[in-house]
mmCIF file of all heavy atoms, coordinates in Angstrom:
data_MODEL
# 
_entry.id   MODEL 
# 
loop_
_atom_site.group_PDB 
_atom_site.id 
_atom_site.type_symbol 
_atom_site.label_atom_id 
_atom_site.label_alt_id 
_atom_site.label_comp_id 
_atom_site.label_asym_id 
_atom_site.label_entity_id 
_atom_site.label_seq_id 
_atom_site.pdbx_PDB_ins_code 
_atom_site.Cartn_x 
_atom_site.Cartn_y 
_atom_site.Cartn_z 
_atom_site.occupancy 
_atom_site.B_iso_or_equiv 
_atom_site.pdbx_formal_charge 
_atom_site.auth_seq_id 
_atom_site.auth_comp_id 
_atom_site.auth_asym_id 
_atom_site.auth_atom_id 
_atom_site.pdbx_PDB_model_num 
ATOM 1   N N   . GLY A 1 1  ? 0.808  -1.225 0.000   1.00 0.00 ? 1  GLY A N   1 
ATOM 2   C CA  . GLY A 1 1  ? -0.002 -0.011 -0.004  1.00 0.00 ? 1  GLY A CA  1 
ATOM 3   C C   . GLY A 1 1  ? 0.806  1.263  0.000   1.00 0.00 ? 1  GLY A C   1 
ATOM 4   O O   . GLY A 1 1  ? 1.937  1.332  0.590   1.00 0.00 ? 1  GLY A O   1 
ATOM 5   N N   . ILE A 1 2  ? 0.309  2.289  -0.677  1.00 0.00 ? 2  ILE A N   1 
ATOM 6   C CA  . ILE A 1 2  ? 0.889  3.638  -0.654  1.00 0.00 ? 2  ILE A CA  1 
ATOM 7   C C   . ILE A 1 2  ? -0.266 4.606  -0.504  1.00 0.00 ? 2  ILE A C   1 
ATOM 8   O O   . ILE A 1 2  ? -1.220 4.552  -1.286  1.00 0.00 ? 2  ILE A O   1 
ATOM 9   C CB  . ILE A 1 2  ? 1.704  3.967  -1.921  1.00 0.00 ? 2  ILE A CB  1 
ATOM 10  C CG1 . ILE A 1 2  ? 2.978  3.203  -1.962  1.00 0.00 ? 2  ILE A CG1 1 
ATOM 11  C CG2 . ILE A 1 2  ? 2.002  5.504  -1.954  1.00 0.00 ? 2  ILE A CG2 1 
ATOM 12  C CD1 . ILE A 1 2  ? 3.841  3.486  -3.158  1.00 0.00 ? 2  ILE A CD1 1 
ATOM 13  N N   . GLY A 1 3  ? -0.196 5.544  0.461   1.00 0.00 ? 3  GLY A N   1 
ATOM 14  C CA  . GLY A 1 3  ? -1.206 6.551  0.606   1.00 0.00 ? 3  GLY A CA  1 
ATOM 15  C C   . GLY A 1 3  ? -0.923 7.688  -0.391  1.00 0.00 ? 3  GLY A C   1 
ATOM 16  O O   . GLY A 1 3  ? -0.024 8.526  -0.138  1.00 0.00 ? 3  GLY A O   1 
ATOM 17  N N   . VAL A 1 4  ? -1.694 7.771  -1.436  1.00 0.00 ? 4  VAL A N   1 
ATOM 18  C CA  . VAL A 1 4  ? -1.439 8.799  -2.472  1.00 0.00 ? 4  VAL A CA  1 
ATOM 19  C C   . VAL A 1 4  ? -1.735 10.182 -1.939  1.00 0.00 ? 4  VAL A C   1 
ATOM 20  O O   . VAL A 1 4  ? -0.927 11.114 -2.067  1.00 0.00 ? 4  VAL A O   1 
ATOM 21  C CB  . VAL A 1 4  ? -2.313 8.491  -3.741  1.00 0.00 ? 4  VAL A CB  1 
ATOM 22  C CG1 . VAL A 1 4  ? -2.061 9.509  -4.802  1.00 0.00 ? 4  VAL A CG1 1 
ATOM 23  C CG2 . VAL A 1 4  ? -2.031 7.103  -4.260  1.00 0.00 ? 4  VAL A CG2 1 
ATOM 24  N N   . SER A 1 5  ? -2.933 10.367 -1.378  1.00 0.00 ? 5  SER A N   1 
ATOM 25  C CA  . SER A 1 5  ? -3.264 11.678 -0.813  1.00 0.00 ? 5  SER A CA  1 
ATOM 26  C C   . SER A 1 5  ? -2.382 12.013 0.390   1.00 0.00 ? 5  SER A C   1 
ATOM 27  O O   . SER A 1 5  ? -2.039 13.169 0.619   1.00 0.00 ? 5  SER A O   1 
ATOM 28  C CB  . SER A 1 5  ? -4.737 11.751 -0.442  1.00 0.00 ? 5  SER A CB  1 
ATOM 29  O OG  . SER A 1 5  ? -5.165 10.664 0.332   1.00 0.00 ? 5  SER A OG  1 
ATOM 30  N N   . ARG A 1 6  ? -1.986 10.999 1.161   1.00 0.00 ? 6  ARG A N   1 
ATOM 31  C CA  . ARG A 1 6  ? -1.001 11.236 2.266   1.00 0.00 ? 6  ARG A CA  1 
ATOM 32  C C   . ARG A 1 6  ? 0.302  11.767 1.743   1.00 0.00 ? 6  ARG A C   1 
ATOM 33  O O   . ARG A 1 6  ? 0.890  12.691 2.347   1.00 0.00 ? 6  ARG A O   1 
ATOM 34  C CB  . ARG A 1 6  ? -0.828 9.961  3.066   1.00 0.00 ? 6  ARG A CB  1 
ATOM 35  C CG  . ARG A 1 6  ? 0.278  10.072 4.087   1.00 0.00 ? 6  ARG A CG  1 
ATOM 36  C CD  . ARG A 1 6  ? 0.417  8.840  4.966   1.00 0.00 ? 6  ARG A CD  1 
ATOM 37  N NE  . ARG A 1 6  ? -0.519 8.932  6.075   1.00 0.00 ? 6  ARG A NE  1 
ATOM 38  C CZ  . ARG A 1 6  ? -0.325 8.318  7.257   1.00 0.00 ? 6  ARG A CZ  1 
ATOM 39  N NH1 . ARG A 1 6  ? 0.808  7.667  7.461   1.00 0.00 ? 6  ARG A NH1 1 
ATOM 40  N NH2 . ARG A 1 6  ? -1.175 8.397  8.198   1.00 0.00 ? 6  ARG A NH2 1 
ATOM 41  N N   . LEU A 1 7  ? 0.741  11.225 0.609   1.00 0.00 ? 7  LEU A N   1 
ATOM 42  C CA  . LEU A 1 7  ? 1.967  11.725 0.036   1.00 0.00 ? 7  LEU A CA  1 
ATOM 43  C C   . LEU A 1 7  ? 1.874  13.210 -0.369  1.00 0.00 ? 7  LEU A C   1 
ATOM 44  O O   . LEU A 1 7  ? 2.761  13.988 -0.187  1.00 0.00 ? 7  LEU A O   1 
ATOM 45  C CB  . LEU A 1 7  ? 2.395  10.887 -1.218  1.00 0.00 ? 7  LEU A CB  1 
ATOM 46  C CG  . LEU A 1 7  ? 3.263  9.693  -0.933  1.00 0.00 ? 7  LEU A CG  1 
ATOM 47  C CD1 . LEU A 1 7  ? 3.353  8.859  -2.224  1.00 0.00 ? 7  LEU A CD1 1 
ATOM 48  C CD2 . LEU A 1 7  ? 4.594  10.083 -0.418  1.00 0.00 ? 7  LEU A CD2 1 
ATOM 49  N N   . MET A 1 8  ? 0.696  13.562 -0.918  1.00 0.00 ? 8  MET A N   1 
ATOM 50  C CA  . MET A 1 8  ? 0.486  14.991 -1.284  1.00 0.00 ? 8  MET A CA  1 
ATOM 51  C C   . MET A 1 8  ? 0.553  15.832 -0.027  1.00 0.00 ? 8  MET A C   1 
ATOM 52  O O   . MET A 1 8  ? 1.203  16.914 -0.082  1.00 0.00 ? 8  MET A O   1 
ATOM 53  C CB  . MET A 1 8  ? -0.905 15.109 -1.936  1.00 0.00 ? 8  MET A CB  1 
ATOM 54  C CG  . MET A 1 8  ? -1.210 16.521 -2.341  1.00 0.00 ? 8  MET A CG  1 
ATOM 55  S SD  . MET A 1 8  ? -2.805 16.622 -3.208  1.00 0.00 ? 8  MET A SD  1 
ATOM 56  C CE  . MET A 1 8  ? -3.026 18.415 -3.351  1.00 0.00 ? 8  MET A CE  1 
ATOM 57  N N   . GLY A 1 9  ? -0.016 15.348 1.064   1.00 0.00 ? 9  GLY A N   1 
ATOM 58  C CA  . GLY A 1 9  ? -0.016 16.147 2.276   1.00 0.00 ? 9  GLY A CA  1 
ATOM 59  C C   . GLY A 1 9  ? 1.414  16.307 2.812   1.00 0.00 ? 9  GLY A C   1 
ATOM 60  O O   . GLY A 1 9  ? 1.822  17.341 3.304   1.00 0.00 ? 9  GLY A O   1 
ATOM 61  N N   . LEU A 1 10 ? 2.192  15.201 2.767   1.00 0.00 ? 10 LEU A N   1 
ATOM 62  C CA  . LEU A 1 10 ? 3.559  15.244 3.317   1.00 0.00 ? 10 LEU A CA  1 
ATOM 63  C C   . LEU A 1 10 ? 4.429  16.134 2.410   1.00 0.00 ? 10 LEU A C   1 
ATOM 64  O O   . LEU A 1 10 ? 5.289  16.873 2.922   1.00 0.00 ? 10 LEU A O   1 
ATOM 65  C CB  . LEU A 1 10 ? 4.105  13.808 3.384   1.00 0.00 ? 10 LEU A CB  1 
ATOM 66  C CG  . LEU A 1 10 ? 5.545  13.771 3.948   1.00 0.00 ? 10 LEU A CG  1 
ATOM 67  C CD1 . LEU A 1 10 ? 5.601  14.345 5.377   1.00 0.00 ? 10 LEU A CD1 1 
ATOM 68  C CD2 . LEU A 1 10 ? 6.068  12.302 3.974   1.00 0.00 ? 10 LEU A CD2 1 
ATOM 69  N N   . ILE A 1 11 ? 4.299  16.038 1.085   1.00 0.00 ? 11 ILE A N   1 
ATOM 70  C CA  . ILE A 1 11 ? 5.026  16.929 0.219   1.00 0.00 ? 11 ILE A CA  1 
ATOM 71  C C   . ILE A 1 11 ? 4.749  18.400 0.530   1.00 0.00 ? 11 ILE A C   1 
ATOM 72  O O   . ILE A 1 11 ? 5.672  19.207 0.636   1.00 0.00 ? 11 ILE A O   1 
ATOM 73  C CB  . ILE A 1 11 ? 4.719  16.600 -1.249  1.00 0.00 ? 11 ILE A CB  1 
ATOM 74  C CG1 . ILE A 1 11 ? 5.290  15.231 -1.622  1.00 0.00 ? 11 ILE A CG1 1 
ATOM 75  C CG2 . ILE A 1 11 ? 5.316  17.646 -2.169  1.00 0.00 ? 11 ILE A CG2 1 
ATOM 76  C CD1 . ILE A 1 11 ? 4.810  14.706 -2.980  1.00 0.00 ? 11 ILE A CD1 1 
ATOM 77  N N   . ALA A 1 12 ? 3.451  18.666 0.738   1.00 0.00 ? 12 ALA A N   1 
ATOM 78  C CA  . ALA A 1 12 ? 3.087  20.063 1.060   1.00 0.00 ? 12 ALA A CA  1 
ATOM 79  C C   . ALA A 1 12 ? 3.665  20.513 2.413   1.00 0.00 ? 12 ALA A C   1 
ATOM 80  O O   . ALA A 1 12 ? 4.061  21.623 2.608   1.00 0.00 ? 12 ALA A O   1 
ATOM 81  C CB  . ALA A 1 12 ? 1.539  20.182 1.108   1.00 0.00 ? 12 ALA A CB  1 
ATOM 82  N N   . GLU A 1 13 ? 3.701  19.568 3.361   1.00 0.00 ? 13 GLU A N   1 
ATOM 83  C CA  . GLU A 1 13 ? 4.263  19.859 4.696   1.00 0.00 ? 13 GLU A CA  1 
ATOM 84  C C   . GLU A 1 13 ? 5.784  20.006 4.642   1.00 0.00 ? 13 GLU A C   1 
ATOM 85  O O   . GLU A 1 13 ? 6.305  20.920 5.279   1.00 0.00 ? 13 GLU A O   1 
ATOM 86  C CB  . GLU A 1 13 ? 3.889  18.691 5.635   1.00 0.00 ? 13 GLU A CB  1 
ATOM 87  C CG  . GLU A 1 13 ? 4.161  18.947 7.075   1.00 0.00 ? 13 GLU A CG  1 
ATOM 88  C CD  . GLU A 1 13 ? 2.966  19.552 7.826   1.00 0.00 ? 13 GLU A CD  1 
ATOM 89  O OE1 . GLU A 1 13 ? 1.842  19.149 7.592   1.00 0.00 ? 13 GLU A OE1 1 
ATOM 90  O OE2 . GLU A 1 13 ? 3.215  20.436 8.696   1.00 0.00 ? 13 GLU A OE2 1 
ATOM 91  N N   . HIS A 1 14 ? 6.392  19.158 3.877   1.00 0.00 ? 14 HIS A N   1 
ATOM 92  C CA  . HIS A 1 14 ? 7.878  19.106 3.880   1.00 0.00 ? 14 HIS A CA  1 
ATOM 93  C C   . HIS A 1 14 ? 8.503  20.169 3.004   1.00 0.00 ? 14 HIS A C   1 
ATOM 94  O O   . HIS A 1 14 ? 9.499  20.762 3.337   1.00 0.00 ? 14 HIS A O   1 
ATOM 95  C CB  . HIS A 1 14 ? 8.338  17.690 3.413   1.00 0.00 ? 14 HIS A CB  1 
ATOM 96  C CG  . HIS A 1 14 ? 9.804  17.434 3.578   1.00 0.00 ? 14 HIS A CG  1 
ATOM 97  N ND1 . HIS A 1 14 ? 10.365 17.036 4.769   1.00 0.00 ? 14 HIS A ND1 1 
ATOM 98  C CD2 . HIS A 1 14 ? 10.801 17.538 2.670   1.00 0.00 ? 14 HIS A CD2 1 
ATOM 99  C CE1 . HIS A 1 14 ? 11.637 16.898 4.608   1.00 0.00 ? 14 HIS A CE1 1 
ATOM 100 N NE2 . HIS A 1 14 ? 11.945 17.197 3.373   1.00 0.00 ? 14 HIS A NE2 1 
ATOM 101 N N   . PHE A 1 15 ? 7.919  20.339 1.791   1.00 0.00 ? 15 PHE A N   1 
ATOM 102 C CA  . PHE A 1 15 ? 8.481  21.312 0.841   1.00 0.00 ? 15 PHE A CA  1 
ATOM 103 C C   . PHE A 1 15 ? 7.714  22.633 0.919   1.00 0.00 ? 15 PHE A C   1 
ATOM 104 O O   . PHE A 1 15 ? 6.878  22.903 0.036   1.00 0.00 ? 15 PHE A O   1 
ATOM 105 C CB  . PHE A 1 15 ? 8.474  20.751 -0.586  1.00 0.00 ? 15 PHE A CB  1 
ATOM 106 C CG  . PHE A 1 15 ? 9.317  19.506 -0.702  1.00 0.00 ? 15 PHE A CG  1 
ATOM 107 C CD1 . PHE A 1 15 ? 8.720  18.242 -0.776  1.00 0.00 ? 15 PHE A CD1 1 
ATOM 108 C CD2 . PHE A 1 15 ? 10.707 19.563 -0.734  1.00 0.00 ? 15 PHE A CD2 1 
ATOM 109 C CE1 . PHE A 1 15 ? 9.486  17.072 -0.931  1.00 0.00 ? 15 PHE A CE1 1 
ATOM 110 C CE2 . PHE A 1 15 ? 11.488 18.417 -0.884  1.00 0.00 ? 15 PHE A CE2 1 
ATOM 111 C CZ  . PHE A 1 15 ? 10.888 17.178 -0.960  1.00 0.00 ? 15 PHE A CZ  1 
ATOM 112 N N   . ALA A 1 16 ? 7.998  23.419 1.897   1.00 0.00 ? 16 ALA A N   1 
ATOM 113 C CA  . ALA A 1 16 ? 7.289  24.709 2.069   1.00 0.00 ? 16 ALA A CA  1 
ATOM 114 C C   . ALA A 1 16 ? 8.173  25.640 2.857   1.00 0.00 ? 16 ALA A C   1 
ATOM 115 O O   . ALA A 1 16 ? 9.090  25.184 3.525   1.00 0.00 ? 16 ALA A O   1 
ATOM 116 C CB  . ALA A 1 16 ? 5.968  24.483 2.844   1.00 0.00 ? 16 ALA A CB  1 
ATOM 117 N N   . ASP A 1 17 ? 7.925  26.926 2.685   1.00 0.00 ? 17 ASP A N   1 
ATOM 118 C CA  . ASP A 1 17 ? 8.652  27.920 3.461   1.00 0.00 ? 17 ASP A CA  1 
ATOM 119 C C   . ASP A 1 17 ? 7.652  28.973 3.977   1.00 0.00 ? 17 ASP A C   1 
ATOM 120 O O   . ASP A 1 17 ? 6.427  28.730 3.936   1.00 0.00 ? 17 ASP A O   1 
ATOM 121 C CB  . ASP A 1 17 ? 9.745  28.576 2.636   1.00 0.00 ? 17 ASP A CB  1 
ATOM 122 C CG  . ASP A 1 17 ? 9.280  29.205 1.371   1.00 0.00 ? 17 ASP A CG  1 
ATOM 123 O OD1 . ASP A 1 17 ? 8.054  29.574 1.275   1.00 0.00 ? 17 ASP A OD1 1 
ATOM 124 O OD2 . ASP A 1 17 ? 10.075 29.429 0.426   1.00 0.00 ? 17 ASP A OD2 1 
ATOM 125 N N   . ASP A 1 18 ? 8.145  30.054 4.496   1.00 0.00 ? 18 ASP A N   1 
ATOM 126 C CA  . ASP A 1 18 ? 7.268  31.071 5.071   1.00 0.00 ? 18 ASP A CA  1 
ATOM 127 C C   . ASP A 1 18 ? 6.388  31.787 4.033   1.00 0.00 ? 18 ASP A C   1 
ATOM 128 O O   . ASP A 1 18 ? 5.460  32.554 4.393   1.00 0.00 ? 18 ASP A O   1 
ATOM 129 C CB  . ASP A 1 18 ? 8.018  32.086 5.907   1.00 0.00 ? 18 ASP A CB  1 
ATOM 130 C CG  . ASP A 1 18 ? 9.107  32.813 5.093   1.00 0.00 ? 18 ASP A CG  1 
ATOM 131 O OD1 . ASP A 1 18 ? 9.333  32.451 3.909   1.00 0.00 ? 18 ASP A OD1 1 
ATOM 132 O OD2 . ASP A 1 18 ? 9.677  33.747 5.630   1.00 0.00 ? 18 ASP A OD2 1 
ATOM 133 N N   . LYS A 1 19 ? 6.689  31.609 2.720   1.00 0.00 ? 19 LYS A N   1 
ATOM 134 C CA  . LYS A 1 19 ? 5.902  32.206 1.692   1.00 0.00 ? 19 LYS A CA  1 
ATOM 135 C C   . LYS A 1 19 ? 4.796  31.294 1.124   1.00 0.00 ? 19 LYS A C   1 
ATOM 136 O O   . LYS A 1 19 ? 3.818  31.763 0.510   1.00 0.00 ? 19 LYS A O   1 
ATOM 137 C CB  . LYS A 1 19 ? 6.817  32.651 0.547   1.00 0.00 ? 19 LYS A CB  1 
ATOM 138 C CG  . LYS A 1 19 ? 7.780  33.782 0.932   1.00 0.00 ? 19 LYS A CG  1 
ATOM 139 C CD  . LYS A 1 19 ? 8.665  34.104 -0.260  1.00 0.00 ? 19 LYS A CD  1 
ATOM 140 C CE  . LYS A 1 19 ? 9.649  35.223 0.142   1.00 0.00 ? 19 LYS A CE  1 
ATOM 141 N NZ  . LYS A 1 19 ? 10.523 35.580 -1.068  1.00 0.00 ? 19 LYS A NZ  1 
ATOM 142 N N   . GLY A 1 20 ? 4.983  29.978 1.296   1.00 0.00 ? 20 GLY A N   1 
ATOM 143 C CA  . GLY A 1 20 ? 3.995  29.070 0.744   1.00 0.00 ? 20 GLY A CA  1 
ATOM 144 C C   . GLY A 1 20 ? 4.597  27.723 0.400   1.00 0.00 ? 20 GLY A C   1 
ATOM 145 O O   . GLY A 1 20 ? 5.612  27.297 0.920   1.00 0.00 ? 20 GLY A O   1 
ATOM 146 N N   . LEU A 1 21 ? 3.924  27.054 -0.540  1.00 0.00 ? 21 LEU A N   1 
ATOM 147 C CA  . LEU A 1 21 ? 4.332  25.737 -1.010  1.00 0.00 ? 21 LEU A CA  1 
ATOM 148 C C   . LEU A 1 21 ? 5.556  25.820 -1.899  1.00 0.00 ? 21 LEU A C   1 
ATOM 149 O O   . LEU A 1 21 ? 5.806  26.814 -2.569  1.00 0.00 ? 21 LEU A O   1 
ATOM 150 C CB  . LEU A 1 21 ? 3.165  25.069 -1.737  1.00 0.00 ? 21 LEU A CB  1 
ATOM 151 C CG  . LEU A 1 21 ? 1.879  24.832 -0.949  1.00 0.00 ? 21 LEU A CG  1 
ATOM 152 C CD1 . LEU A 1 21 ? 0.674  24.680 -1.852  1.00 0.00 ? 21 LEU A CD1 1 
ATOM 153 C CD2 . LEU A 1 21 ? 2.071  23.617 -0.023  1.00 0.00 ? 21 LEU A CD2 1 
ATOM 154 N N   . VAL A 1 22 ? 6.288  24.688 -1.996  1.00 0.00 ? 22 VAL A N   1 
ATOM 155 C CA  . VAL A 1 22 ? 7.428  24.565 -2.952  1.00 0.00 ? 22 VAL A CA  1 
ATOM 156 C C   . VAL A 1 22 ? 7.367  23.199 -3.556  1.00 0.00 ? 22 VAL A C   1 
ATOM 157 O O   . VAL A 1 22 ? 8.001  22.260 -3.077  1.00 0.00 ? 22 VAL A O   1 
ATOM 158 C CB  . VAL A 1 22 ? 8.791  24.792 -2.160  1.00 0.00 ? 22 VAL A CB  1 
ATOM 159 C CG1 . VAL A 1 22 ? 9.941  24.802 -3.180  1.00 0.00 ? 22 VAL A CG1 1 
ATOM 160 C CG2 . VAL A 1 22 ? 8.767  26.060 -1.359  1.00 0.00 ? 22 VAL A CG2 1 
ATOM 161 N N   . TRP A 1 23 ? 6.601  23.051 -4.618  1.00 0.00 ? 23 TRP A N   1 
ATOM 162 C CA  . TRP A 1 23 ? 6.366  21.710 -5.187  1.00 0.00 ? 23 TRP A CA  1 
ATOM 163 C C   . TRP A 1 23 ? 7.636  21.235 -5.923  1.00 0.00 ? 23 TRP A C   1 
ATOM 164 O O   . TRP A 1 23 ? 8.244  21.969 -6.705  1.00 0.00 ? 23 TRP A O   1 
ATOM 165 C CB  . TRP A 1 23 ? 5.242  21.748 -6.177  1.00 0.00 ? 23 TRP A CB  1 
ATOM 166 C CG  . TRP A 1 23 ? 3.887  22.006 -5.591  1.00 0.00 ? 23 TRP A CG  1 
ATOM 167 C CD1 . TRP A 1 23 ? 3.163  23.139 -5.689  1.00 0.00 ? 23 TRP A CD1 1 
ATOM 168 C CD2 . TRP A 1 23 ? 3.116  21.090 -4.754  1.00 0.00 ? 23 TRP A CD2 1 
ATOM 169 N NE1 . TRP A 1 23 ? 1.988  22.994 -5.005  1.00 0.00 ? 23 TRP A NE1 1 
ATOM 170 C CE2 . TRP A 1 23 ? 1.948  21.752 -4.459  1.00 0.00 ? 23 TRP A CE2 1 
ATOM 171 C CE3 . TRP A 1 23 ? 3.326  19.797 -4.344  1.00 0.00 ? 23 TRP A CE3 1 
ATOM 172 C CZ2 . TRP A 1 23 ? 0.955  21.151 -3.648  1.00 0.00 ? 23 TRP A CZ2 1 
ATOM 173 C CZ3 . TRP A 1 23 ? 2.347  19.181 -3.536  1.00 0.00 ? 23 TRP A CZ3 1 
ATOM 174 C CH2 . TRP A 1 23 ? 1.195  19.900 -3.224  1.00 0.00 ? 23 TRP A CH2 1 
ATOM 175 N N   . PRO A 1 24 ? 8.025  19.954 -5.727  1.00 0.00 ? 24 PRO A N   1 
ATOM 176 C CA  . PRO A 1 24 ? 9.055  19.369 -6.629  1.00 0.00 ? 24 PRO A CA  1 
ATOM 177 C C   . PRO A 1 24 ? 8.476  19.362 -8.050  1.00 0.00 ? 24 PRO A C   1 
ATOM 178 O O   . PRO A 1 24 ? 7.288  19.217 -8.268  1.00 0.00 ? 24 PRO A O   1 
ATOM 179 C CB  . PRO A 1 24 ? 9.151  17.918 -6.070  1.00 0.00 ? 24 PRO A CB  1 
ATOM 180 C CG  . PRO A 1 24 ? 8.627  17.963 -4.674  1.00 0.00 ? 24 PRO A CG  1 
ATOM 181 C CD  . PRO A 1 24 ? 7.568  19.006 -4.699  1.00 0.00 ? 24 PRO A CD  1 
ATOM 182 N N   . GLU A 1 25 ? 9.398  19.438 -9.016  1.00 0.00 ? 25 GLU A N   1 
ATOM 183 C CA  . GLU A 1 25 ? 8.915  19.565 -10.413 1.00 0.00 ? 25 GLU A CA  1 
ATOM 184 C C   . GLU A 1 25 ? 8.116  18.348 -10.866 1.00 0.00 ? 25 GLU A C   1 
ATOM 185 O O   . GLU A 1 25 ? 7.236  18.451 -11.669 1.00 0.00 ? 25 GLU A O   1 
ATOM 186 C CB  . GLU A 1 25 ? 10.170 19.770 -11.318 1.00 0.00 ? 25 GLU A CB  1 
ATOM 187 C CG  . GLU A 1 25 ? 10.806 21.131 -11.153 1.00 0.00 ? 25 GLU A CG  1 
ATOM 188 C CD  . GLU A 1 25 ? 11.928 21.325 -12.139 1.00 0.00 ? 25 GLU A CD  1 
ATOM 189 O OE1 . GLU A 1 25 ? 11.783 20.934 -13.312 1.00 0.00 ? 25 GLU A OE1 1 
ATOM 190 O OE2 . GLU A 1 25 ? 12.917 21.925 -11.757 1.00 0.00 ? 25 GLU A OE2 1 
ATOM 191 N N   . ASN A 1 26 ? 8.419  17.197 -10.337 1.00 0.00 ? 26 ASN A N   1 
ATOM 192 C CA  . ASN A 1 26 ? 7.728  15.960 -10.741 1.00 0.00 ? 26 ASN A CA  1 
ATOM 193 C C   . ASN A 1 26 ? 6.254  15.975 -10.444 1.00 0.00 ? 26 ASN A C   1 
ATOM 194 O O   . ASN A 1 26 ? 5.463  15.303 -11.092 1.00 0.00 ? 26 ASN A O   1 
ATOM 195 C CB  . ASN A 1 26 ? 8.359  14.738 -10.065 1.00 0.00 ? 26 ASN A CB  1 
ATOM 196 C CG  . ASN A 1 26 ? 9.386  14.052 -10.941 1.00 0.00 ? 26 ASN A CG  1 
ATOM 197 O OD1 . ASN A 1 26 ? 9.535  14.391 -12.125 1.00 0.00 ? 26 ASN A OD1 1 
ATOM 198 N ND2 . ASN A 1 26 ? 10.078 13.075 -10.421 1.00 0.00 ? 26 ASN A ND2 1 
ATOM 199 N N   . VAL A 1 27 ? 5.830  16.683 -9.413  1.00 0.00 ? 27 VAL A N   1 
ATOM 200 C CA  . VAL A 1 27 ? 4.433  16.643 -9.005  1.00 0.00 ? 27 VAL A CA  1 
ATOM 201 C C   . VAL A 1 27 ? 3.721  17.987 -9.077  1.00 0.00 ? 27 VAL A C   1 
ATOM 202 O O   . VAL A 1 27 ? 2.528  18.090 -8.825  1.00 0.00 ? 27 VAL A O   1 
ATOM 203 C CB  . VAL A 1 27 ? 4.300  16.075 -7.578  1.00 0.00 ? 27 VAL A CB  1 
ATOM 204 C CG1 . VAL A 1 27 ? 4.861  14.697 -7.481  1.00 0.00 ? 27 VAL A CG1 1 
ATOM 205 C CG2 . VAL A 1 27 ? 4.947  16.968 -6.548  1.00 0.00 ? 27 VAL A CG2 1 
ATOM 206 N N   . ALA A 1 28 ? 4.434  19.050 -9.373  1.00 0.00 ? 28 ALA A N   1 
ATOM 207 C CA  . ALA A 1 28 ? 3.861  20.387 -9.437  1.00 0.00 ? 28 ALA A CA  1 
ATOM 208 C C   . ALA A 1 28 ? 2.718  20.474 -10.407 1.00 0.00 ? 28 ALA A C   1 
ATOM 209 O O   . ALA A 1 28 ? 2.716  19.793 -11.463 1.00 0.00 ? 28 ALA A O   1 
ATOM 210 C CB  . ALA A 1 28 ? 4.919  21.396 -9.818  1.00 0.00 ? 28 ALA A CB  1 
# 
């Protein structure tokens, strides 16, 4: 199993700064 929406949440949580989201190019 892989949580697809959970991955989206973790990417949003992990790749962010004080201005907002920072999406990796593969999923932006």
